[in-house]
Amino acid sequence: KTKASARKIAMSIANSPLVKTAIAGEDANWGRVVMAVGKAGEPADRDK
């Protein structure tokens, strides 16, 4: 919706220990990215 919203979502992903450990394990676990997007508290539509 906005740049500020994009920043909050990006930071939610970047600060997720589950996302970061998956990357360390070389696992493209998009489910953890979905989780981080969903918990950010910003507008998001799962089906888009």
ModelCIF file with pLDDT and N, C-alpha, C, O atoms, coordinates in Angstrom:
data_MODEL
#
_entry.id   MODEL 
#
_entity.id                         1 
_entity.type                       polymer 
_entity.pdbx_number_of_molecules   1 
#
_entity_poly.entity_id                      1 
_entity_poly.type                           'polypeptide(L)' 
_entity_poly.nstd_linkage                   no 
_entity_poly.nstd_monomer                   no 
_entity_poly.pdbx_seq_one_letter_code       KTKASARKIAMSIANSPLVKTAIAGEDANWGRVVMAVGKAGEPADRDK 
_entity_poly.pdbx_seq_one_letter_code_can   KTKASARKIAMSIANSPLVKTAIAGEDANWGRVVMAVGKAGEPADRDK 
_entity_poly.pdbx_strand_id                 A 
#
loop_
_entity_poly_seq.entity_id 
_entity_poly_seq.num 
_entity_poly_seq.mon_id 
_entity_poly_seq.hetero 
1 1  LYS n 
1 2  THR n 
1 3  LYS n 
1 4  ALA n 
1 5  SER n 
1 6  ALA n 
1 7  ARG n 
1 8  LYS n 
1 9  ILE n 
1 10 ALA n 
1 11 MET n 
1 12 SER n 
1 13 ILE n 
1 14 ALA n 
1 15 ASN n 
1 16 SER n 
1 17 PRO n 
1 18 LEU n 
1 19 VAL n 
1 20 LYS n 
1 21 THR n 
1 22 ALA n 
1 23 ILE n 
1 24 ALA n 
1 25 GLY n 
1 26 GLU n 
1 27 ASP n 
1 28 ALA n 
1 29 ASN n 
1 30 TRP n 
1 31 GLY n 
1 32 ARG n 
1 33 VAL n 
1 34 VAL n 
1 35 MET n 
1 36 ALA n 
1 37 VAL n 
1 38 GLY n 
1 39 LYS n 
1 40 ALA n 
1 41 GLY n 
1 42 GLU n 
1 43 PRO n 
1 44 ALA n 
1 45 ASP n 
1 46 ARG n 
1 47 ASP n 
1 48 LYS n 
#
_struct_asym.id          A 
_struct_asym.entity_id   1 
#
loop_
_ma_qa_metric.id 
_ma_qa_metric.mode 
_ma_qa_metric.name 
_ma_qa_metric.software_group_id 
_ma_qa_metric.type 
1 global pLDDT . pLDDT 
2 local  pLDDT . pLDDT 
#
_ma_qa_metric_global.metric_id      1 
_ma_qa_metric_global.metric_value   96.77 
_ma_qa_metric_global.model_id       1 
_ma_qa_metric_global.ordinal_id     1 
#
loop_
_ma_qa_metric_local.label_asym_id 
_ma_qa_metric_local.label_comp_id 
_ma_qa_metric_local.label_seq_id 
_ma_qa_metric_local.metric_id 
_ma_qa_metric_local.metric_value 
_ma_qa_metric_local.model_id 
_ma_qa_metric_local.ordinal_id 
A LYS 1  2 98.00 1 1  
A THR 2  2 98.00 1 2  
A LYS 3  2 98.00 1 3  
A ALA 4  2 97.00 1 4  
A SER 5  2 98.00 1 5  
A ALA 6  2 98.00 1 6  
A ARG 7  2 97.00 1 7  
A LYS 8  2 97.00 1 8  
A ILE 9  2 98.00 1 9  
A ALA 10 2 98.00 1 10 
A MET 11 2 96.00 1 11 
A SER 12 2 97.00 1 12 
A ILE 13 2 98.00 1 13 
A ALA 14 2 97.00 1 14 
A ASN 15 2 95.00 1 15 
A SER 16 2 96.00 1 16 
A PRO 17 2 95.00 1 17 
A LEU 18 2 97.00 1 18 
A VAL 19 2 97.00 1 19 
A LYS 20 2 97.00 1 20 
A THR 21 2 97.00 1 21 
A ALA 22 2 96.00 1 22 
A ILE 23 2 97.00 1 23 
A ALA 24 2 96.00 1 24 
A GLY 25 2 97.00 1 25 
A GLU 26 2 97.00 1 26 
A ASP 27 2 95.00 1 27 
A ALA 28 2 94.00 1 28 
A ASN 29 2 94.00 1 29 
A TRP 30 2 94.00 1 30 
A GLY 31 2 95.00 1 31 
A ARG 32 2 97.00 1 32 
A VAL 33 2 98.00 1 33 
A VAL 34 2 97.00 1 34 
A MET 35 2 97.00 1 35 
A ALA 36 2 98.00 1 36 
A VAL 37 2 98.00 1 37 
A GLY 38 2 97.00 1 38 
A LYS 39 2 97.00 1 39 
A ALA 40 2 97.00 1 40 
A GLY 41 2 97.00 1 41 
A GLU 42 2 98.00 1 42 
A PRO 43 2 98.00 1 43 
A ALA 44 2 97.00 1 44 
A ASP 45 2 97.00 1 45 
A ARG 46 2 95.00 1 46 
A ASP 47 2 96.00 1 47 
A LYS 48 2 97.00 1 48 
#
loop_
_atom_site.group_PDB 
_atom_site.id 
_atom_site.type_symbol 
_atom_site.label_atom_id 
_atom_site.label_alt_id 
_atom_site.label_comp_id 
_atom_site.label_asym_id 
_atom_site.label_entity_id 
_atom_site.label_seq_id 
_atom_site.pdbx_PDB_ins_code 
_atom_site.Cartn_x 
_atom_site.Cartn_y 
_atom_site.Cartn_z 
_atom_site.occupancy 
_atom_site.B_iso_or_equiv 
_atom_site.pdbx_formal_charge 
_atom_site.auth_seq_id 
_atom_site.auth_comp_id 
_atom_site.auth_asym_id 
_atom_site.auth_atom_id 
_atom_site.pdbx_PDB_model_num 
ATOM 1   N N  . LYS A 1 1  ? 0.829  -1.203  0.000  1.00 98.00 ? 1  LYS A N  1 
ATOM 2   C CA . LYS A 1 1  ? 0.000  0.000   0.000  1.00 98.00 ? 1  LYS A CA 1 
ATOM 3   C C  . LYS A 1 1  ? 0.867  1.256   0.000  1.00 98.00 ? 1  LYS A C  1 
ATOM 4   O O  . LYS A 1 1  ? 0.567  2.229   -0.693 1.00 98.00 ? 1  LYS A O  1 
ATOM 5   N N  . THR A 1 2  ? 1.949  1.226   0.788  1.00 98.00 ? 2  THR A N  1 
ATOM 6   C CA . THR A 1 2  ? 2.859  2.361   0.891  1.00 98.00 ? 2  THR A CA 1 
ATOM 7   C C  . THR A 1 2  ? 4.289  1.855   1.052  1.00 98.00 ? 2  THR A C  1 
ATOM 8   O O  . THR A 1 2  ? 4.513  0.673   1.316  1.00 98.00 ? 2  THR A O  1 
ATOM 9   N N  . LYS A 1 3  ? 5.256  2.761   0.893  1.00 98.00 ? 3  LYS A N  1 
ATOM 10  C CA . LYS A 1 3  ? 6.652  2.408   1.133  1.00 98.00 ? 3  LYS A CA 1 
ATOM 11  C C  . LYS A 1 3  ? 6.847  2.013   2.590  1.00 98.00 ? 3  LYS A C  1 
ATOM 12  O O  . LYS A 1 3  ? 7.564  1.058   2.888  1.00 98.00 ? 3  LYS A O  1 
ATOM 13  N N  . ALA A 1 4  ? 6.205  2.753   3.501  1.00 97.00 ? 4  ALA A N  1 
ATOM 14  C CA . ALA A 1 4  ? 6.341  2.448   4.928  1.00 97.00 ? 4  ALA A CA 1 
ATOM 15  C C  . ALA A 1 4  ? 5.817  1.053   5.238  1.00 97.00 ? 4  ALA A C  1 
ATOM 16  O O  . ALA A 1 4  ? 6.399  0.333   6.050  1.00 97.00 ? 4  ALA A O  1 
ATOM 17  N N  . SER A 1 5  ? 4.726  0.674   4.597  1.00 98.00 ? 5  SER A N  1 
ATOM 18  C CA . SER A 1 5  ? 4.169  -0.663  4.793  1.00 98.00 ? 5  SER A CA 1 
ATOM 19  C C  . SER A 1 5  ? 5.114  -1.722  4.257  1.00 98.00 ? 5  SER A C  1 
ATOM 20  O O  . SER A 1 5  ? 5.310  -2.766  4.879  1.00 98.00 ? 5  SER A O  1 
ATOM 21  N N  . ALA A 1 6  ? 5.704  -1.445  3.088  1.00 98.00 ? 6  ALA A N  1 
ATOM 22  C CA . ALA A 1 6  ? 6.675  -2.376  2.504  1.00 98.00 ? 6  ALA A CA 1 
ATOM 23  C C  . ALA A 1 6  ? 7.873  -2.552  3.419  1.00 98.00 ? 6  ALA A C  1 
ATOM 24  O O  . ALA A 1 6  ? 8.389  -3.661  3.559  1.00 98.00 ? 6  ALA A O  1 
ATOM 25  N N  . ARG A 1 7  ? 8.328  -1.453  4.055  1.00 97.00 ? 7  ARG A N  1 
ATOM 26  C CA . ARG A 1 7  ? 9.473  -1.533  4.970  1.00 97.00 ? 7  ARG A CA 1 
ATOM 27  C C  . ARG A 1 7  ? 9.152  -2.422  6.170  1.00 97.00 ? 7  ARG A C  1 
ATOM 28  O O  . ARG A 1 7  ? 9.975  -3.247  6.567  1.00 97.00 ? 7  ARG A O  1 
ATOM 29  N N  . LYS A 1 8  ? 7.977  -2.261  6.741  1.00 97.00 ? 8  LYS A N  1 
ATOM 30  C CA . LYS A 1 8  ? 7.606  -3.064  7.917  1.00 97.00 ? 8  LYS A CA 1 
ATOM 31  C C  . LYS A 1 8  ? 7.522  -4.546  7.575  1.00 97.00 ? 8  LYS A C  1 
ATOM 32  O O  . LYS A 1 8  ? 7.924  -5.398  8.368  1.00 97.00 ? 8  LYS A O  1 
ATOM 33  N N  . ILE A 1 9  ? 7.002  -4.846  6.399  1.00 98.00 ? 9  ILE A N  1 
ATOM 34  C CA . ILE A 1 9  ? 6.894  -6.249  5.987  1.00 98.00 ? 9  ILE A CA 1 
ATOM 35  C C  . ILE A 1 9  ? 8.273  -6.819  5.705  1.00 98.00 ? 9  ILE A C  1 
ATOM 36  O O  . ILE A 1 9  ? 8.574  -7.948  6.094  1.00 98.00 ? 9  ILE A O  1 
ATOM 37  N N  . ALA A 1 10 ? 9.113  -6.041  5.030  1.00 98.00 ? 10 ALA A N  1 
ATOM 38  C CA . ALA A 1 10 ? 10.471 -6.498  4.733  1.00 98.00 ? 10 ALA A CA 1 
ATOM 39  C C  . ALA A 1 10 ? 11.243 -6.758  6.021  1.00 98.00 ? 10 ALA A C  1 
ATOM 40  O O  . ALA A 1 10 ? 11.982 -7.737  6.121  1.00 98.00 ? 10 ALA A O  1 
ATOM 41  N N  . MET A 1 11 ? 11.071 -5.876  7.009  1.00 96.00 ? 11 MET A N  1 
ATOM 42  C CA . MET A 1 11 ? 11.756 -6.063  8.278  1.00 96.00 ? 11 MET A CA 1 
ATOM 43  C C  . MET A 1 11 ? 11.199 -7.269  9.047  1.00 96.00 ? 11 MET A C  1 
ATOM 44  O O  . MET A 1 11 ? 11.944 -7.957  9.745  1.00 96.00 ? 11 MET A O  1 
ATOM 45  N N  . SER A 1 12 ? 9.933  -7.516  8.922  1.00 97.00 ? 12 SER A N  1 
ATOM 46  C CA . SER A 1 12 ? 9.342  -8.688  9.562  1.00 97.00 ? 12 SER A CA 1 
ATOM 47  C C  . SER A 1 12 ? 9.978  -9.964  9.020  1.00 97.00 ? 12 SER A C  1 
ATOM 48  O O  . SER A 1 12 ? 10.253 -10.901 9.769  1.00 97.00 ? 12 SER A O  1 
ATOM 49  N N  . ILE A 1 13 ? 10.207 -9.985  7.714  1.00 98.00 ? 13 ILE A N  1 
ATOM 50  C CA . ILE A 1 13 ? 10.869 -11.140 7.089  1.00 98.00 ? 13 ILE A CA 1 
ATOM 51  C C  . ILE A 1 13 ? 12.330 -11.208 7.522  1.00 98.00 ? 13 ILE A C  1 
ATOM 52  O O  . ILE A 1 13 ? 12.826 -12.267 7.907  1.00 98.00 ? 13 ILE A O  1 
ATOM 53  N N  . ALA A 1 14 ? 13.010 -10.069 7.455  1.00 97.00 ? 14 ALA A N  1 
ATOM 54  C CA . ALA A 1 14 ? 14.446 -10.017 7.737  1.00 97.00 ? 14 ALA A CA 1 
ATOM 55  C C  . ALA A 1 14 ? 14.772 -10.383 9.178  1.00 97.00 ? 14 ALA A C  1 
ATOM 56  O O  . ALA A 1 14 ? 15.831 -10.950 9.448  1.00 97.00 ? 14 ALA A O  1 
ATOM 57  N N  . ASN A 1 15 ? 13.877 -10.067 10.100 1.00 95.00 ? 15 ASN A N  1 
ATOM 58  C CA . ASN A 1 15 ? 14.137 -10.336 11.513 1.00 95.00 ? 15 ASN A CA 1 
ATOM 59  C C  . ASN A 1 15 ? 13.588 -11.676 12.001 1.00 95.00 ? 15 ASN A C  1 
ATOM 60  O O  . ASN A 1 15 ? 13.717 -12.009 13.179 1.00 95.00 ? 15 ASN A O  1 
ATOM 61  N N  . SER A 1 16 ? 12.987 -12.434 11.111 1.00 96.00 ? 16 SER A N  1 
ATOM 62  C CA . SER A 1 16 ? 12.424 -13.726 11.516 1.00 96.00 ? 16 SER A CA 1 
ATOM 63  C C  . SER A 1 16 ? 13.532 -14.774 11.686 1.00 96.00 ? 16 SER A C  1 
ATOM 64  O O  . SER A 1 16 ? 14.219 -15.090 10.714 1.00 96.00 ? 16 SER A O  1 
ATOM 65  N N  . PRO A 1 17 ? 13.724 -15.321 12.889 1.00 95.00 ? 17 PRO A N  1 
ATOM 66  C CA . PRO A 1 17 ? 14.716 -16.380 13.071 1.00 95.00 ? 17 PRO A CA 1 
ATOM 67  C C  . PRO A 1 17 ? 14.414 -17.597 12.193 1.00 95.00 ? 17 PRO A C  1 
ATOM 68  O O  . PRO A 1 17 ? 15.333 -18.285 11.749 1.00 95.00 ? 17 PRO A O  1 
ATOM 69  N N  . LEU A 1 18 ? 13.127 -17.865 11.942 1.00 97.00 ? 18 LEU A N  1 
ATOM 70  C CA . LEU A 1 18 ? 12.774 -19.019 11.114 1.00 97.00 ? 18 LEU A CA 1 
ATOM 71  C C  . LEU A 1 18 ? 13.181 -18.808 9.661  1.00 97.00 ? 18 LEU A C  1 
ATOM 72  O O  . LEU A 1 18 ? 13.671 -19.734 9.014  1.00 97.00 ? 18 LEU A O  1 
ATOM 73  N N  . VAL A 1 19 ? 12.983 -17.601 9.145  1.00 97.00 ? 19 VAL A N  1 
ATOM 74  C CA . VAL A 1 19 ? 13.423 -17.304 7.777  1.00 97.00 ? 19 VAL A CA 1 
ATOM 75  C C  . VAL A 1 19 ? 14.941 -17.380 7.702  1.00 97.00 ? 19 VAL A C  1 
ATOM 76  O O  . VAL A 1 19 ? 15.496 -17.986 6.785  1.00 97.00 ? 19 VAL A O  1 
ATOM 77  N N  . LYS A 1 20 ? 15.611 -16.763 8.672  1.00 97.00 ? 20 LYS A N  1 
ATOM 78  C CA . LYS A 1 20 ? 17.075 -16.674 8.643  1.00 97.00 ? 20 LYS A CA 1 
ATOM 79  C C  . LYS A 1 20 ? 17.743 -18.042 8.804  1.00 97.00 ? 20 LYS A C  1 
ATOM 80  O O  . LYS A 1 20 ? 18.772 -18.300 8.179  1.00 97.00 ? 20 LYS A O  1 
ATOM 81  N N  . THR A 1 21 ? 17.175 -18.918 9.631  1.00 97.00 ? 21 THR A N  1 
ATOM 82  C CA . THR A 1 21 ? 17.755 -20.254 9.779  1.00 97.00 ? 21 THR A CA 1 
ATOM 83  C C  . THR A 1 21 ? 17.475 -21.121 8.553  1.00 97.00 ? 21 THR A C  1 
ATOM 84  O O  . THR A 1 21 ? 18.281 -21.982 8.199  1.00 97.00 ? 21 THR A O  1 
ATOM 85  N N  . ALA A 1 22 ? 16.341 -20.894 7.914  1.00 96.00 ? 22 ALA A N  1 
ATOM 86  C CA . ALA A 1 22 ? 16.062 -21.631 6.673  1.00 96.00 ? 22 ALA A CA 1 
ATOM 87  C C  . ALA A 1 22 ? 17.078 -21.268 5.603  1.00 96.00 ? 22 ALA A C  1 
ATOM 88  O O  . ALA A 1 22 ? 17.544 -22.135 4.863  1.00 96.00 ? 22 ALA A O  1 
ATOM 89  N N  . ILE A 1 23 ? 17.418 -19.998 5.521  1.00 97.00 ? 23 ILE A N  1 
ATOM 90  C CA . ILE A 1 23 ? 18.421 -19.562 4.541  1.00 97.00 ? 23 ILE A CA 1 
ATOM 91  C C  . ILE A 1 23 ? 19.783 -20.153 4.888  1.00 97.00 ? 23 ILE A C  1 
ATOM 92  O O  . ILE A 1 23 ? 20.534 -20.557 4.000  1.00 97.00 ? 23 ILE A O  1 
ATOM 93  N N  . ALA A 1 24 ? 20.097 -20.201 6.176  1.00 96.00 ? 24 ALA A N  1 
ATOM 94  C CA . ALA A 1 24 ? 21.357 -20.819 6.595  1.00 96.00 ? 24 ALA A CA 1 
ATOM 95  C C  . ALA A 1 24 ? 21.404 -22.290 6.177  1.00 96.00 ? 24 ALA A C  1 
ATOM 96  O O  . ALA A 1 24 ? 22.462 -22.815 5.830  1.00 96.00 ? 24 ALA A O  1 
ATOM 97  N N  . GLY A 1 25 ? 20.242 -22.944 6.217  1.00 97.00 ? 25 GLY A N  1 
ATOM 98  C CA . GLY A 1 25 ? 20.158 -24.344 5.811  1.00 97.00 ? 25 GLY A CA 1 
ATOM 99  C C  . GLY A 1 25 ? 19.929 -24.523 4.328  1.00 97.00 ? 25 GLY A C  1 
ATOM 100 O O  . GLY A 1 25 ? 19.724 -25.642 3.858  1.00 97.00 ? 25 GLY A O  1 
ATOM 101 N N  . GLU A 1 26 ? 19.965 -23.403 3.570  1.00 97.00 ? 26 GLU A N  1 
ATOM 102 C CA . GLU A 1 26 ? 19.786 -23.404 2.114  1.00 97.00 ? 26 GLU A CA 1 
ATOM 103 C C  . GLU A 1 26 ? 18.453 -24.015 1.703  1.00 97.00 ? 26 GLU A C  1 
ATOM 104 O O  . GLU A 1 26 ? 18.351 -24.762 0.730  1.00 97.00 ? 26 GLU A O  1 
ATOM 105 N N  . ASP A 1 27 ? 17.431 -23.665 2.491  1.00 95.00 ? 27 ASP A N  1 
ATOM 106 C CA . ASP A 1 27 ? 16.081 -24.163 2.252  1.00 95.00 ? 27 ASP A CA 1 
ATOM 107 C C  . ASP A 1 27 ? 15.177 -23.006 1.840  1.00 95.00 ? 27 ASP A C  1 
ATOM 108 O O  . ASP A 1 27 ? 14.976 -22.077 2.622  1.00 95.00 ? 27 ASP A O  1 
ATOM 109 N N  . ALA A 1 28 ? 14.638 -23.045 0.651  1.00 94.00 ? 28 ALA A N  1 
ATOM 110 C CA . ALA A 1 28 ? 13.739 -21.992 0.156  1.00 94.00 ? 28 ALA A CA 1 
ATOM 111 C C  . ALA A 1 28 ? 12.346 -22.201 0.750  1.00 94.00 ? 28 ALA A C  1 
ATOM 112 O O  . ALA A 1 28 ? 11.389 -22.494 0.035  1.00 94.00 ? 28 ALA A O  1 
ATOM 113 N N  . ASN A 1 29 ? 12.256 -22.047 2.043  1.00 94.00 ? 29 ASN A N  1 
ATOM 114 C CA . ASN A 1 29 ? 11.007 -22.323 2.755  1.00 94.00 ? 29 ASN A CA 1 
ATOM 115 C C  . ASN A 1 29 ? 10.102 -21.090 2.686  1.00 94.00 ? 29 ASN A C  1 
ATOM 116 O O  . ASN A 1 29 ? 10.118 -20.247 3.583  1.00 94.00 ? 29 ASN A O  1 
ATOM 117 N N  . TRP A 1 30 ? 9.324  -20.995 1.627  1.00 94.00 ? 30 TRP A N  1 
ATOM 118 C CA . TRP A 1 30 ? 8.475  -19.821 1.439  1.00 94.00 ? 30 TRP A CA 1 
ATOM 119 C C  . TRP A 1 30 ? 7.360  -19.743 2.482  1.00 94.00 ? 30 TRP A C  1 
ATOM 120 O O  . TRP A 1 30 ? 6.782  -18.679 2.704  1.00 94.00 ? 30 TRP A O  1 
ATOM 121 N N  . GLY A 1 31 ? 7.064  -20.871 3.116  1.00 95.00 ? 31 GLY A N  1 
ATOM 122 C CA . GLY A 1 31 ? 6.053  -20.866 4.170  1.00 95.00 ? 31 GLY A CA 1 
ATOM 123 C C  . GLY A 1 31 ? 6.451  -19.938 5.307  1.00 95.00 ? 31 GLY A C  1 
ATOM 124 O O  . GLY A 1 31 ? 5.595  -19.293 5.913  1.00 95.00 ? 31 GLY A O  1 
ATOM 125 N N  . ARG A 1 32 ? 7.727  -19.867 5.595  1.00 97.00 ? 32 ARG A N  1 
ATOM 126 C CA . ARG A 1 32 ? 8.196  -18.982 6.661  1.00 97.00 ? 32 ARG A CA 1 
ATOM 127 C C  . ARG A 1 32 ? 8.114  -17.518 6.224  1.00 97.00 ? 32 ARG A C  1 
ATOM 128 O O  . ARG A 1 32 ? 7.886  -16.633 7.049  1.00 97.00 ? 32 ARG A O  1 
ATOM 129 N N  . VAL A 1 33 ? 8.297  -17.270 4.945  1.00 98.00 ? 33 VAL A N  1 
ATOM 130 C CA . VAL A 1 33 ? 8.139  -15.907 4.431  1.00 98.00 ? 33 VAL A CA 1 
ATOM 131 C C  . VAL A 1 33 ? 6.671  -15.497 4.524  1.00 98.00 ? 33 VAL A C  1 
ATOM 132 O O  . VAL A 1 33 ? 6.358  -14.371 4.910  1.00 98.00 ? 33 VAL A O  1 
ATOM 133 N N  . VAL A 1 34 ? 5.773  -16.419 4.169  1.00 97.00 ? 34 VAL A N  1 
ATOM 134 C CA . VAL A 1 34 ? 4.335  -16.157 4.284  1.00 97.00 ? 34 VAL A CA 1 
ATOM 135 C C  . VAL A 1 34 ? 3.994  -15.811 5.730  1.00 97.00 ? 34 VAL A C  1 
ATOM 136 O O  . VAL A 1 34 ? 3.249  -14.866 5.990  1.00 97.00 ? 34 VAL A O  1 
ATOM 137 N N  . MET A 1 35 ? 4.541  -16.579 6.665  1.00 97.00 ? 35 MET A N  1 
ATOM 138 C CA . MET A 1 35 ? 4.319  -16.318 8.079  1.00 97.00 ? 35 MET A CA 1 
ATOM 139 C C  . MET A 1 35 ? 4.748  -14.902 8.455  1.00 97.00 ? 35 MET A C  1 
ATOM 140 O O  . MET A 1 35 ? 4.018  -14.178 9.132  1.00 97.00 ? 35 MET A O  1 
ATOM 141 N N  . ALA A 1 36 ? 5.943  -14.519 8.006  1.00 98.00 ? 36 ALA A N  1 
ATOM 142 C CA . ALA A 1 36 ? 6.484  -13.211 8.366  1.00 98.00 ? 36 ALA A CA 1 
ATOM 143 C C  . ALA A 1 36 ? 5.676  -12.076 7.753  1.00 98.00 ? 36 ALA A C  1 
ATOM 144 O O  . ALA A 1 36 ? 5.507  -11.029 8.377  1.00 98.00 ? 36 ALA A O  1 
ATOM 145 N N  . VAL A 1 37 ? 5.175  -12.274 6.540  1.00 98.00 ? 37 VAL A N  1 
ATOM 146 C CA . VAL A 1 37 ? 4.306  -11.274 5.912  1.00 98.00 ? 37 VAL A CA 1 
ATOM 147 C C  . VAL A 1 37 ? 3.017  -11.141 6.723  1.00 98.00 ? 37 VAL A C  1 
ATOM 148 O O  . VAL A 1 37 ? 2.570  -10.031 7.014  1.00 98.00 ? 37 VAL A O  1 
ATOM 149 N N  . GLY A 1 38 ? 2.435  -12.262 7.079  1.00 97.00 ? 38 GLY A N  1 
ATOM 150 C CA . GLY A 1 38 ? 1.163  -12.262 7.776  1.00 97.00 ? 38 GLY A CA 1 
ATOM 151 C C  . GLY A 1 38 ? 1.206  -11.643 9.162  1.00 97.00 ? 38 GLY A C  1 
ATOM 152 O O  . GLY A 1 38 ? 0.216  -11.056 9.601  1.00 97.00 ? 38 GLY A O  1 
ATOM 153 N N  . LYS A 1 39 ? 2.324  -11.759 9.858  1.00 97.00 ? 39 LYS A N  1 
ATOM 154 C CA . LYS A 1 39 ? 2.413  -11.246 11.229 1.00 97.00 ? 39 LYS A CA 1 
ATOM 155 C C  . LYS A 1 39 ? 2.821  -9.786  11.296 1.00 97.00 ? 39 LYS A C  1 
ATOM 156 O O  . LYS A 1 39 ? 2.822  -9.199  12.378 1.00 97.00 ? 39 LYS A O  1 
ATOM 157 N N  . ALA A 1 40 ? 3.172  -9.182  10.154 1.00 97.00 ? 40 ALA A N  1 
ATOM 158 C CA . ALA A 1 40 ? 3.709  -7.823  10.144 1.00 97.00 ? 40 ALA A CA 1 
ATOM 159 C C  . ALA A 1 40 ? 2.682  -6.773  10.546 1.00 97.00 ? 40 ALA A C  1 
ATOM 160 O O  . ALA A 1 40 ? 3.046  -5.661  10.929 1.00 97.00 ? 40 ALA A O  1 
ATOM 161 N N  . GLY A 1 41 ? 1.402  -7.120  10.462 1.00 97.00 ? 41 GLY A N  1 
ATOM 162 C CA . GLY A 1 41 ? 0.365  -6.177  10.830 1.00 97.00 ? 41 GLY A CA 1 
ATOM 163 C C  . GLY A 1 41 ? 0.070  -5.145  9.772  1.00 97.00 ? 41 GLY A C  1 
ATOM 164 O O  . GLY A 1 41 ? -0.567 -4.130  10.053 1.00 97.00 ? 41 GLY A O  1 
ATOM 165 N N  . GLU A 1 42 ? 0.527  -5.391  8.549  1.00 98.00 ? 42 GLU A N  1 
ATOM 166 C CA . GLU A 1 42 ? 0.316  -4.485  7.423  1.00 98.00 ? 42 GLU A CA 1 
ATOM 167 C C  . GLU A 1 42 ? -0.653 -5.106  6.426  1.00 98.00 ? 42 GLU A C  1 
ATOM 168 O O  . GLU A 1 42 ? -0.832 -6.323  6.419  1.00 98.00 ? 42 GLU A O  1 
ATOM 169 N N  . PRO A 1 43 ? -1.287 -4.280  5.575  1.00 98.00 ? 43 PRO A N  1 
ATOM 170 C CA . PRO A 1 43 ? -2.222 -4.826  4.580  1.00 98.00 ? 43 PRO A CA 1 
ATOM 171 C C  . PRO A 1 43 ? -1.564 -5.886  3.707  1.00 98.00 ? 43 PRO A C  1 
ATOM 172 O O  . PRO A 1 43 ? -0.481 -5.669  3.164  1.00 98.00 ? 43 PRO A O  1 
ATOM 173 N N  . ALA A 1 44 ? -2.220 -7.028  3.575  1.00 97.00 ? 44 ALA A N  1 
ATOM 174 C CA . ALA A 1 44 ? -1.733 -8.129  2.737  1.00 97.00 ? 44 ALA A CA 1 
ATOM 175 C C  . ALA A 1 44 ? -2.919 -9.011  2.378  1.00 97.00 ? 44 ALA A C  1 
ATOM 176 O O  . ALA A 1 44 ? -3.855 -9.163  3.163  1.00 97.00 ? 44 ALA A O  1 
ATOM 177 N N  . ASP A 1 45 ? -2.871 -9.582  1.198  1.00 97.00 ? 45 ASP A N  1 
ATOM 178 C CA . ASP A 1 45 ? -3.921 -10.483 0.737  1.00 97.00 ? 45 ASP A CA 1 
ATOM 179 C C  . ASP A 1 45 ? -3.256 -11.801 0.373  1.00 97.00 ? 45 ASP A C  1 
ATOM 180 O O  . ASP A 1 45 ? -2.507 -11.884 -0.601 1.00 97.00 ? 45 ASP A O  1 
ATOM 181 N N  . ARG A 1 46 ? -3.533 -12.813 1.153  1.00 95.00 ? 46 ARG A N  1 
ATOM 182 C CA . ARG A 1 46 ? -2.919 -14.124 0.933  1.00 95.00 ? 46 ARG A CA 1 
ATOM 183 C C  . ARG A 1 46 ? -3.023 -14.589 -0.506 1.00 95.00 ? 46 ARG A C  1 
ATOM 184 O O  . ARG A 1 46 ? -2.067 -15.143 -1.048 1.00 95.00 ? 46 ARG A O  1 
ATOM 185 N N  . ASP A 1 47 ? -4.175 -14.370 -1.135 1.00 96.00 ? 47 ASP A N  1 
ATOM 186 C CA . ASP A 1 47 ? -4.415 -14.917 -2.462 1.00 96.00 ? 47 ASP A CA 1 
ATOM 187 C C  . ASP A 1 47 ? -3.801 -14.094 -3.590 1.00 96.00 ? 47 ASP A C  1 
ATOM 188 O O  . ASP A 1 47 ? -3.916 -14.459 -4.760 1.00 96.00 ? 47 ASP A O  1 
ATOM 189 N N  . LYS A 1 48 ? -3.144 -12.977 -3.241 1.00 97.00 ? 48 LYS A N  1 
ATOM 190 C CA . LYS A 1 48 ? -2.428 -12.174 -4.248 1.00 97.00 ? 48 LYS A CA 1 
ATOM 191 C C  . LYS A 1 48 ? -0.910 -12.277 -4.082 1.00 97.00 ? 48 LYS A C  1 
ATOM 192 O O  . LYS A 1 48 ? -0.163 -11.665 -4.845 1.00 97.00 ? 48 LYS A O  1 
#
